C-alpha cells in the first residue's frame, strides 16, 4: 500500500472580516514552521518506479550469436516447410469445418421442410464435434509436418 502526502495549509488567524478595503479577496498565510519541504510527492508514485521497490536491475545486452557454417539462419522456418504446414492445416481444418457448417442447413431442412422434430441438443453436439475437430486440425497440421525441407 502506498501513501501520499499533501502540503497542509494552516491559517494564522480566522478569516478576515469583510469590512476591509477589498471585500472579494481572502488572504491566507502559511506558517513557515508548518511548511513541508518544497518537493511534493507526486500523486502517481508508480511513474517513478513501475516495477517495484529498489533500483531498476541492470539491463543485459545481447551478444550476437555466432552463425554456423550452414546456409540456414537459426530460428527461421524454410518456405517449403511453411507451405507444407499450411496445406496440411487447410485439409485438417477445412474439411471438418465445412462439414460442420453444412449440418446447420441440414437440420433446418429436417425441422422446417420435413417437419421432423429434432431435439435442440443434437445440432449443438454435432457442431461441437466438427468444430472441435477443426480446432485440433490446426495443431495437427503444424506438428505432423516434417521440418526437413528435403523430406516430404
N, C-alpha and C. Protein backbone atom coordinates (compact mmCIF):
# COMPACT_ATOMS: atom_id res chain seq x y z
N UNK A 1 0.84 -1.17 0.00
CA UNK A 1 0.00 0.00 0.00
C UNK A 1 0.89 1.23 0.00
N UNK A 2 0.60 2.17 -0.86
CA UNK A 2 1.41 3.37 -0.97
C UNK A 2 0.70 4.52 -0.27
N UNK A 3 1.50 5.41 0.24
CA UNK A 3 0.92 6.60 0.87
C UNK A 3 1.37 7.82 0.12
N UNK A 4 0.61 8.84 0.22
CA UNK A 4 0.91 10.10 -0.46
C UNK A 4 0.66 11.23 0.51
N UNK A 5 1.54 12.22 0.52
CA UNK A 5 1.35 13.33 1.46
C UNK A 5 1.08 14.60 0.68
N UNK A 6 0.24 15.44 1.24
CA UNK A 6 -0.12 16.71 0.64
C UNK A 6 0.32 17.84 1.57
N UNK A 7 0.66 18.99 1.02
CA UNK A 7 1.00 20.11 1.89
C UNK A 7 -0.23 20.56 2.67
N UNK A 8 -0.02 20.93 3.88
CA UNK A 8 -1.11 21.31 4.75
C UNK A 8 -1.12 22.83 4.92
N UNK A 9 -2.26 23.43 4.77
CA UNK A 9 -2.39 24.88 4.90
C UNK A 9 -2.92 25.18 6.29
N UNK A 10 -2.19 26.00 7.03
CA UNK A 10 -2.60 26.37 8.38
C UNK A 10 -2.90 27.87 8.38
N UNK A 11 -4.06 28.20 8.88
CA UNK A 11 -4.45 29.60 8.93
C UNK A 11 -3.84 30.25 10.17
N UNK A 12 -3.26 31.43 9.98
CA UNK A 12 -2.66 32.13 11.12
C UNK A 12 -3.73 32.81 11.97
N UNK A 13 -4.79 33.18 11.35
CA UNK A 13 -5.86 33.84 12.08
C UNK A 13 -7.18 33.45 11.44
N UNK A 14 -8.25 33.71 12.11
CA UNK A 14 -9.54 33.42 11.48
C UNK A 14 -9.70 34.25 10.22
N UNK A 15 -10.71 33.94 9.46
CA UNK A 15 -10.95 34.63 8.20
C UNK A 15 -11.08 36.14 8.44
N UNK A 16 -10.47 36.94 7.57
CA UNK A 16 -10.58 38.39 7.75
C UNK A 16 -12.02 38.85 7.58
N UNK A 17 -12.34 39.87 8.24
CA UNK A 17 -13.70 40.38 8.14
C UNK A 17 -13.90 41.02 6.77
N UNK A 18 -15.09 41.08 6.36
CA UNK A 18 -15.39 41.62 5.05
C UNK A 18 -15.48 43.15 5.05
N UNK A 19 -15.09 43.76 6.14
CA UNK A 19 -15.13 45.23 6.20
C UNK A 19 -13.83 45.84 5.69
N UNK A 20 -12.90 45.03 5.23
CA UNK A 20 -11.64 45.57 4.73
C UNK A 20 -11.86 46.23 3.38
N UNK A 21 -10.76 46.80 2.82
CA UNK A 21 -10.85 47.53 1.57
C UNK A 21 -11.35 46.65 0.43
N UNK A 22 -10.75 45.48 0.27
CA UNK A 22 -11.11 44.58 -0.82
C UNK A 22 -12.00 43.48 -0.25
N UNK A 23 -13.29 43.60 -0.50
CA UNK A 23 -14.24 42.68 0.09
C UNK A 23 -14.29 41.32 -0.61
N UNK A 24 -13.72 41.21 -1.81
CA UNK A 24 -13.85 39.98 -2.58
C UNK A 24 -12.63 39.07 -2.50
N UNK A 25 -11.61 39.45 -1.82
CA UNK A 25 -10.42 38.60 -1.76
C UNK A 25 -10.17 38.13 -0.33
N UNK A 26 -9.77 36.91 -0.19
CA UNK A 26 -9.42 36.33 1.10
C UNK A 26 -7.94 35.98 1.07
N UNK A 27 -7.23 36.28 2.12
CA UNK A 27 -5.80 36.02 2.17
C UNK A 27 -5.51 35.02 3.26
N UNK A 28 -4.72 34.02 2.93
CA UNK A 28 -4.32 33.00 3.88
C UNK A 28 -2.82 33.07 4.06
N UNK A 29 -2.36 32.86 5.25
CA UNK A 29 -0.93 32.83 5.50
C UNK A 29 -0.55 31.42 5.94
N UNK A 30 0.58 30.98 5.45
CA UNK A 30 1.09 29.66 5.80
C UNK A 30 2.28 29.87 6.71
N UNK A 31 2.26 29.26 7.90
CA UNK A 31 3.38 29.36 8.81
C UNK A 31 4.57 28.64 8.23
N UNK A 32 5.73 29.27 8.30
CA UNK A 32 6.94 28.66 7.75
C UNK A 32 7.32 27.40 8.51
N UNK A 33 7.01 27.31 9.78
CA UNK A 33 7.37 26.14 10.56
C UNK A 33 6.51 24.93 10.16
N UNK A 34 5.35 25.18 9.61
CA UNK A 34 4.45 24.10 9.23
C UNK A 34 4.60 23.70 7.77
N UNK A 35 5.40 24.44 7.01
CA UNK A 35 5.55 24.11 5.60
C UNK A 35 6.39 22.85 5.44
N UNK A 36 6.01 22.06 4.49
CA UNK A 36 6.80 20.88 4.17
C UNK A 36 7.88 21.28 3.18
N UNK A 37 8.77 20.36 2.95
CA UNK A 37 9.85 20.66 2.00
C UNK A 37 9.25 20.97 0.64
N UNK A 38 10.01 21.62 -0.20
CA UNK A 38 9.49 22.14 -1.45
C UNK A 38 9.09 21.04 -2.44
N UNK A 39 9.75 19.91 -2.35
CA UNK A 39 9.43 18.82 -3.28
C UNK A 39 8.20 18.08 -2.76
N UNK A 40 7.12 18.12 -3.49
CA UNK A 40 5.88 17.46 -3.10
C UNK A 40 5.85 16.09 -3.76
N UNK A 41 5.46 15.09 -3.03
CA UNK A 41 5.38 13.74 -3.56
C UNK A 41 4.35 13.70 -4.67
N UNK A 42 4.70 13.15 -5.84
CA UNK A 42 3.73 13.10 -6.94
C UNK A 42 2.59 12.15 -6.61
N UNK A 43 1.44 12.45 -7.14
CA UNK A 43 0.28 11.61 -6.89
C UNK A 43 0.43 10.24 -7.53
N UNK A 44 1.02 10.20 -8.69
CA UNK A 44 1.20 8.93 -9.37
C UNK A 44 2.60 8.40 -9.06
N UNK A 45 2.73 7.79 -7.91
CA UNK A 45 4.05 7.33 -7.47
C UNK A 45 4.55 6.18 -8.32
N UNK A 46 3.67 5.52 -9.02
CA UNK A 46 4.11 4.39 -9.85
C UNK A 46 4.90 4.83 -11.06
N UNK A 47 4.81 6.11 -11.43
CA UNK A 47 5.58 6.57 -12.57
C UNK A 47 7.07 6.60 -12.26
N UNK A 48 7.43 6.77 -10.99
CA UNK A 48 8.84 6.81 -10.63
C UNK A 48 9.48 5.43 -10.73
N UNK A 49 8.82 4.43 -10.25
CA UNK A 49 9.38 3.09 -10.22
C UNK A 49 8.28 2.08 -10.50
N UNK A 50 7.94 1.84 -11.75
CA UNK A 50 6.80 0.99 -12.05
C UNK A 50 7.02 -0.48 -11.77
N UNK A 51 8.25 -0.94 -11.61
CA UNK A 51 8.50 -2.37 -11.46
C UNK A 51 8.57 -2.81 -10.01
N UNK A 52 8.51 -1.93 -9.07
CA UNK A 52 8.54 -2.35 -7.67
C UNK A 52 9.53 -1.54 -6.88
N UNK A 53 9.98 -2.11 -5.80
CA UNK A 53 10.86 -1.39 -4.89
C UNK A 53 12.31 -1.48 -5.33
N UNK A 54 13.08 -0.51 -4.96
CA UNK A 54 14.51 -0.53 -5.20
C UNK A 54 14.89 -0.04 -6.58
N UNK A 55 16.19 -0.01 -6.83
CA UNK A 55 16.66 0.45 -8.14
C UNK A 55 16.36 -0.58 -9.21
N UNK A 56 16.25 -0.08 -10.44
CA UNK A 56 15.95 -1.00 -11.54
C UNK A 56 17.18 -1.86 -11.83
N UNK A 57 16.97 -3.12 -12.21
CA UNK A 57 18.10 -4.00 -12.49
C UNK A 57 18.84 -3.55 -13.74
N UNK A 58 20.10 -3.91 -13.78
CA UNK A 58 20.90 -3.54 -14.94
C UNK A 58 20.43 -4.33 -16.15
N UNK A 59 20.35 -3.66 -17.28
CA UNK A 59 19.90 -4.31 -18.50
C UNK A 59 21.06 -5.09 -19.10
N UNK A 60 20.75 -6.30 -19.50
CA UNK A 60 21.76 -7.13 -20.14
C UNK A 60 21.75 -6.88 -21.64
N UNK A 61 22.89 -6.75 -22.21
CA UNK A 61 22.97 -6.58 -23.65
C UNK A 61 23.17 -7.95 -24.27
N UNK A 62 22.45 -8.17 -25.36
CA UNK A 62 22.55 -9.46 -26.04
C UNK A 62 23.82 -9.51 -26.87
N UNK A 63 24.50 -10.60 -26.75
CA UNK A 63 25.68 -10.79 -27.58
C UNK A 63 25.24 -11.43 -28.88
N UNK A 64 25.81 -11.02 -30.00
CA UNK A 64 25.40 -11.62 -31.27
C UNK A 64 25.79 -13.10 -31.30
N UNK A 65 24.83 -13.91 -31.78
CA UNK A 65 25.09 -15.34 -31.87
C UNK A 65 26.06 -15.61 -33.01
N UNK A 66 26.88 -16.59 -32.80
CA UNK A 66 27.80 -16.97 -33.86
C UNK A 66 27.07 -17.90 -34.81
N UNK A 67 27.12 -17.57 -36.07
CA UNK A 67 26.43 -18.35 -37.10
C UNK A 67 27.20 -19.63 -37.39
N UNK A 68 26.45 -20.69 -37.64
CA UNK A 68 27.09 -21.91 -38.10
C UNK A 68 27.49 -21.73 -39.56
N UNK A 69 28.28 -22.66 -40.04
CA UNK A 69 28.73 -22.55 -41.42
C UNK A 69 27.64 -22.91 -42.41
N UNK A 70 26.48 -23.36 -41.94
CA UNK A 70 25.37 -23.73 -42.83
C UNK A 70 24.77 -22.50 -43.48
N UNK A 71 23.96 -22.73 -44.52
CA UNK A 71 23.36 -21.62 -45.23
C UNK A 71 22.03 -21.19 -44.62
N UNK A 72 21.53 -21.92 -43.62
CA UNK A 72 20.26 -21.56 -42.99
C UNK A 72 20.52 -20.71 -41.75
N UNK A 73 19.64 -19.76 -41.50
CA UNK A 73 19.73 -18.96 -40.29
C UNK A 73 19.01 -19.70 -39.18
N UNK A 74 19.44 -19.51 -37.95
CA UNK A 74 18.81 -20.18 -36.83
C UNK A 74 17.44 -19.57 -36.53
N UNK A 75 16.42 -20.41 -36.29
CA UNK A 75 15.10 -19.94 -35.91
C UNK A 75 14.20 -19.54 -37.06
N UNK A 76 14.60 -19.74 -38.30
CA UNK A 76 13.77 -19.38 -39.44
C UNK A 76 13.26 -20.66 -40.09
N UNK A 77 11.95 -20.73 -40.28
CA UNK A 77 11.34 -21.90 -40.92
C UNK A 77 11.44 -21.72 -42.43
N UNK A 78 11.96 -22.72 -43.14
CA UNK A 78 12.05 -22.60 -44.60
C UNK A 78 10.66 -22.48 -45.24
N UNK A 79 10.60 -21.85 -46.39
CA UNK A 79 9.32 -21.62 -47.06
C UNK A 79 8.65 -22.92 -47.47
N UNK A 80 9.41 -23.91 -47.85
CA UNK A 80 8.84 -25.20 -48.25
C UNK A 80 8.10 -25.84 -47.07
N UNK A 81 8.71 -25.76 -45.89
CA UNK A 81 8.09 -26.34 -44.69
C UNK A 81 6.84 -25.55 -44.32
N UNK A 82 6.88 -24.23 -44.45
CA UNK A 82 5.71 -23.40 -44.15
C UNK A 82 4.55 -23.74 -45.08
N UNK A 83 4.84 -23.88 -46.36
CA UNK A 83 3.79 -24.24 -47.32
C UNK A 83 3.22 -25.62 -47.01
N UNK A 84 4.05 -26.53 -46.59
CA UNK A 84 3.60 -27.88 -46.23
C UNK A 84 2.66 -27.81 -45.02
N UNK A 85 3.02 -27.00 -44.03
CA UNK A 85 2.17 -26.84 -42.84
C UNK A 85 0.81 -26.23 -43.21
N UNK A 86 0.84 -25.22 -44.06
CA UNK A 86 -0.41 -24.55 -44.44
C UNK A 86 -1.31 -25.50 -45.22
N UNK A 87 -0.73 -26.32 -46.08
CA UNK A 87 -1.52 -27.28 -46.84
C UNK A 87 -2.17 -28.29 -45.91
N UNK A 88 -1.40 -28.82 -44.96
CA UNK A 88 -1.97 -29.79 -44.02
C UNK A 88 -3.05 -29.15 -43.15
N UNK A 89 -2.81 -27.91 -42.72
CA UNK A 89 -3.82 -27.23 -41.92
C UNK A 89 -5.08 -26.97 -42.75
N UNK A 90 -4.91 -26.65 -44.02
CA UNK A 90 -6.07 -26.41 -44.88
C UNK A 90 -6.98 -27.63 -44.96
N UNK A 91 -6.39 -28.79 -45.10
CA UNK A 91 -7.19 -30.01 -45.16
C UNK A 91 -7.74 -30.40 -43.79
N UNK A 92 -6.90 -30.36 -42.76
CA UNK A 92 -7.33 -30.84 -41.46
C UNK A 92 -8.28 -29.88 -40.75
N UNK A 93 -8.31 -28.61 -41.18
CA UNK A 93 -9.26 -27.65 -40.61
C UNK A 93 -10.44 -27.46 -41.55
N UNK A 94 -10.17 -27.36 -42.83
CA UNK A 94 -11.22 -27.04 -43.80
C UNK A 94 -12.30 -28.09 -43.94
N UNK A 95 -11.93 -29.36 -44.00
CA UNK A 95 -12.92 -30.42 -44.20
C UNK A 95 -13.88 -30.53 -43.01
N UNK A 96 -13.39 -30.65 -41.75
CA UNK A 96 -14.36 -30.71 -40.65
C UNK A 96 -15.18 -29.42 -40.48
N UNK A 97 -14.58 -28.28 -40.76
CA UNK A 97 -15.30 -27.02 -40.65
C UNK A 97 -16.41 -26.94 -41.69
N UNK A 98 -16.13 -27.35 -42.90
CA UNK A 98 -17.12 -27.34 -43.98
C UNK A 98 -18.28 -28.29 -43.66
N UNK A 99 -17.95 -29.48 -43.16
CA UNK A 99 -19.00 -30.45 -42.80
C UNK A 99 -19.83 -29.91 -41.64
N UNK A 100 -19.18 -29.31 -40.65
CA UNK A 100 -19.91 -28.73 -39.52
C UNK A 100 -20.85 -27.62 -39.95
N UNK A 101 -20.43 -26.81 -40.92
CA UNK A 101 -21.30 -25.74 -41.40
C UNK A 101 -22.44 -26.27 -42.26
N UNK A 102 -22.24 -27.40 -42.95
CA UNK A 102 -23.32 -27.98 -43.76
C UNK A 102 -24.42 -28.59 -42.91
N UNK A 103 -24.13 -28.93 -41.67
CA UNK A 103 -25.15 -29.53 -40.82
C UNK A 103 -26.23 -28.53 -40.40
N UNK A 104 -25.94 -27.25 -40.36
CA UNK A 104 -26.95 -26.27 -39.97
C UNK A 104 -28.10 -26.21 -40.98
N UNK A 105 -27.83 -26.08 -42.29
CA UNK A 105 -28.97 -26.11 -43.23
C UNK A 105 -29.66 -27.49 -43.24
N UNK A 106 -28.90 -28.55 -42.99
CA UNK A 106 -29.49 -29.89 -42.96
C UNK A 106 -30.50 -30.02 -41.83
N UNK A 107 -30.15 -29.56 -40.63
CA UNK A 107 -31.07 -29.61 -39.50
C UNK A 107 -32.26 -28.66 -39.71
N UNK A 108 -32.01 -27.55 -40.38
CA UNK A 108 -33.10 -26.63 -40.70
C UNK A 108 -34.08 -27.29 -41.66
N UNK A 109 -33.54 -27.97 -42.66
CA UNK A 109 -34.40 -28.68 -43.63
C UNK A 109 -35.20 -29.78 -42.95
N UNK A 110 -34.59 -30.52 -42.03
CA UNK A 110 -35.31 -31.56 -41.30
C UNK A 110 -36.46 -30.97 -40.48
N UNK A 111 -36.20 -29.84 -39.86
CA UNK A 111 -37.20 -29.25 -38.95
C UNK A 111 -38.32 -28.56 -39.71
N UNK A 112 -37.96 -27.76 -40.75
CA UNK A 112 -38.96 -26.95 -41.44
C UNK A 112 -39.54 -27.70 -42.64
N UNK A 113 -38.67 -28.28 -43.44
CA UNK A 113 -39.13 -28.93 -44.68
C UNK A 113 -39.83 -30.25 -44.45
N UNK A 114 -39.22 -31.13 -43.68
CA UNK A 114 -39.79 -32.46 -43.46
C UNK A 114 -40.61 -32.56 -42.18
N UNK A 115 -40.67 -31.48 -41.41
CA UNK A 115 -41.44 -31.42 -40.16
C UNK A 115 -41.03 -32.50 -39.16
N UNK A 116 -39.74 -32.80 -39.10
CA UNK A 116 -39.21 -33.75 -38.12
C UNK A 116 -38.73 -32.95 -36.92
N UNK A 117 -39.17 -33.34 -35.75
CA UNK A 117 -38.78 -32.62 -34.54
C UNK A 117 -37.42 -33.13 -34.08
N UNK A 118 -36.40 -32.35 -34.37
CA UNK A 118 -35.03 -32.68 -33.96
C UNK A 118 -34.76 -31.98 -32.64
N UNK A 119 -34.31 -32.72 -31.62
CA UNK A 119 -34.01 -32.05 -30.35
C UNK A 119 -32.91 -30.99 -30.53
N UNK A 120 -32.98 -29.97 -29.74
CA UNK A 120 -32.05 -28.85 -29.88
C UNK A 120 -30.61 -29.26 -29.58
N UNK A 121 -30.40 -30.22 -28.72
CA UNK A 121 -29.06 -30.61 -28.33
C UNK A 121 -28.33 -31.36 -29.45
N UNK A 122 -29.05 -31.94 -30.41
CA UNK A 122 -28.39 -32.70 -31.49
C UNK A 122 -27.54 -31.78 -32.37
N UNK A 123 -28.05 -30.64 -32.88
CA UNK A 123 -27.17 -29.76 -33.67
C UNK A 123 -26.00 -29.21 -32.85
N UNK A 124 -26.24 -28.97 -31.55
CA UNK A 124 -25.14 -28.48 -30.71
C UNK A 124 -24.03 -29.51 -30.59
N UNK A 125 -24.38 -30.76 -30.36
CA UNK A 125 -23.37 -31.81 -30.22
C UNK A 125 -22.64 -32.03 -31.54
N UNK A 126 -23.38 -32.06 -32.64
CA UNK A 126 -22.75 -32.28 -33.96
C UNK A 126 -21.80 -31.13 -34.29
N UNK A 127 -22.23 -29.89 -34.07
CA UNK A 127 -21.36 -28.76 -34.37
C UNK A 127 -20.16 -28.73 -33.43
N UNK A 128 -20.36 -29.12 -32.17
CA UNK A 128 -19.25 -29.18 -31.22
C UNK A 128 -18.19 -30.18 -31.67
N UNK A 129 -18.62 -31.33 -32.15
CA UNK A 129 -17.67 -32.37 -32.58
C UNK A 129 -16.89 -31.91 -33.81
N UNK A 130 -17.59 -31.38 -34.81
CA UNK A 130 -16.89 -31.00 -36.04
C UNK A 130 -16.04 -29.74 -35.87
N UNK A 131 -16.53 -28.76 -35.12
CA UNK A 131 -15.72 -27.56 -34.89
C UNK A 131 -14.54 -27.86 -33.98
N UNK A 132 -14.71 -28.76 -33.03
CA UNK A 132 -13.59 -29.19 -32.19
C UNK A 132 -12.54 -29.92 -32.98
N UNK A 133 -12.99 -30.75 -33.94
CA UNK A 133 -12.05 -31.45 -34.82
C UNK A 133 -11.28 -30.46 -35.69
N UNK A 134 -11.95 -29.43 -36.15
CA UNK A 134 -11.28 -28.39 -36.94
C UNK A 134 -10.26 -27.64 -36.10
N UNK A 135 -10.58 -27.40 -34.84
CA UNK A 135 -9.64 -26.72 -33.96
C UNK A 135 -8.41 -27.58 -33.71
N UNK A 136 -8.61 -28.86 -33.51
CA UNK A 136 -7.47 -29.76 -33.35
C UNK A 136 -6.67 -29.89 -34.65
N UNK A 137 -7.31 -29.65 -35.77
CA UNK A 137 -6.63 -29.73 -37.06
C UNK A 137 -5.52 -28.71 -37.21
N UNK A 138 -5.64 -27.58 -36.54
CA UNK A 138 -4.58 -26.57 -36.59
C UNK A 138 -3.30 -27.14 -35.99
N UNK A 139 -3.41 -27.73 -34.82
CA UNK A 139 -2.23 -28.31 -34.17
C UNK A 139 -1.71 -29.49 -34.97
N UNK A 140 -2.61 -30.30 -35.48
CA UNK A 140 -2.18 -31.46 -36.26
C UNK A 140 -1.41 -31.03 -37.50
N UNK A 141 -1.87 -29.99 -38.18
CA UNK A 141 -1.20 -29.54 -39.40
C UNK A 141 0.21 -29.04 -39.13
N UNK A 142 0.45 -28.44 -37.97
CA UNK A 142 1.78 -27.92 -37.66
C UNK A 142 2.69 -29.03 -37.15
N UNK A 143 2.18 -29.85 -36.23
CA UNK A 143 3.02 -30.84 -35.58
C UNK A 143 3.34 -32.02 -36.49
N UNK A 144 2.41 -32.40 -37.34
CA UNK A 144 2.63 -33.61 -38.14
C UNK A 144 3.51 -33.40 -39.36
N UNK A 145 3.72 -32.17 -39.77
CA UNK A 145 4.54 -31.95 -40.97
C UNK A 145 6.03 -32.01 -40.61
N UNK A 146 6.80 -32.50 -41.55
CA UNK A 146 8.24 -32.64 -41.34
C UNK A 146 8.91 -31.28 -41.49
N UNK A 147 9.86 -30.99 -40.59
CA UNK A 147 10.57 -29.72 -40.65
C UNK A 147 11.81 -29.81 -41.53
N UNK A 148 12.04 -30.95 -42.10
CA UNK A 148 13.17 -31.12 -43.01
C UNK A 148 12.71 -30.70 -44.42
N UNK A 149 13.36 -29.72 -45.03
CA UNK A 149 12.89 -29.26 -46.34
C UNK A 149 12.99 -30.31 -47.44
N UNK A 150 13.90 -31.25 -47.30
CA UNK A 150 14.10 -32.26 -48.35
C UNK A 150 13.19 -33.47 -48.19
N UNK A 151 12.53 -33.57 -47.05
CA UNK A 151 11.71 -34.75 -46.77
C UNK A 151 10.24 -34.36 -46.79
N UNK A 152 9.45 -35.09 -47.54
CA UNK A 152 8.03 -34.79 -47.67
C UNK A 152 7.31 -35.40 -46.47
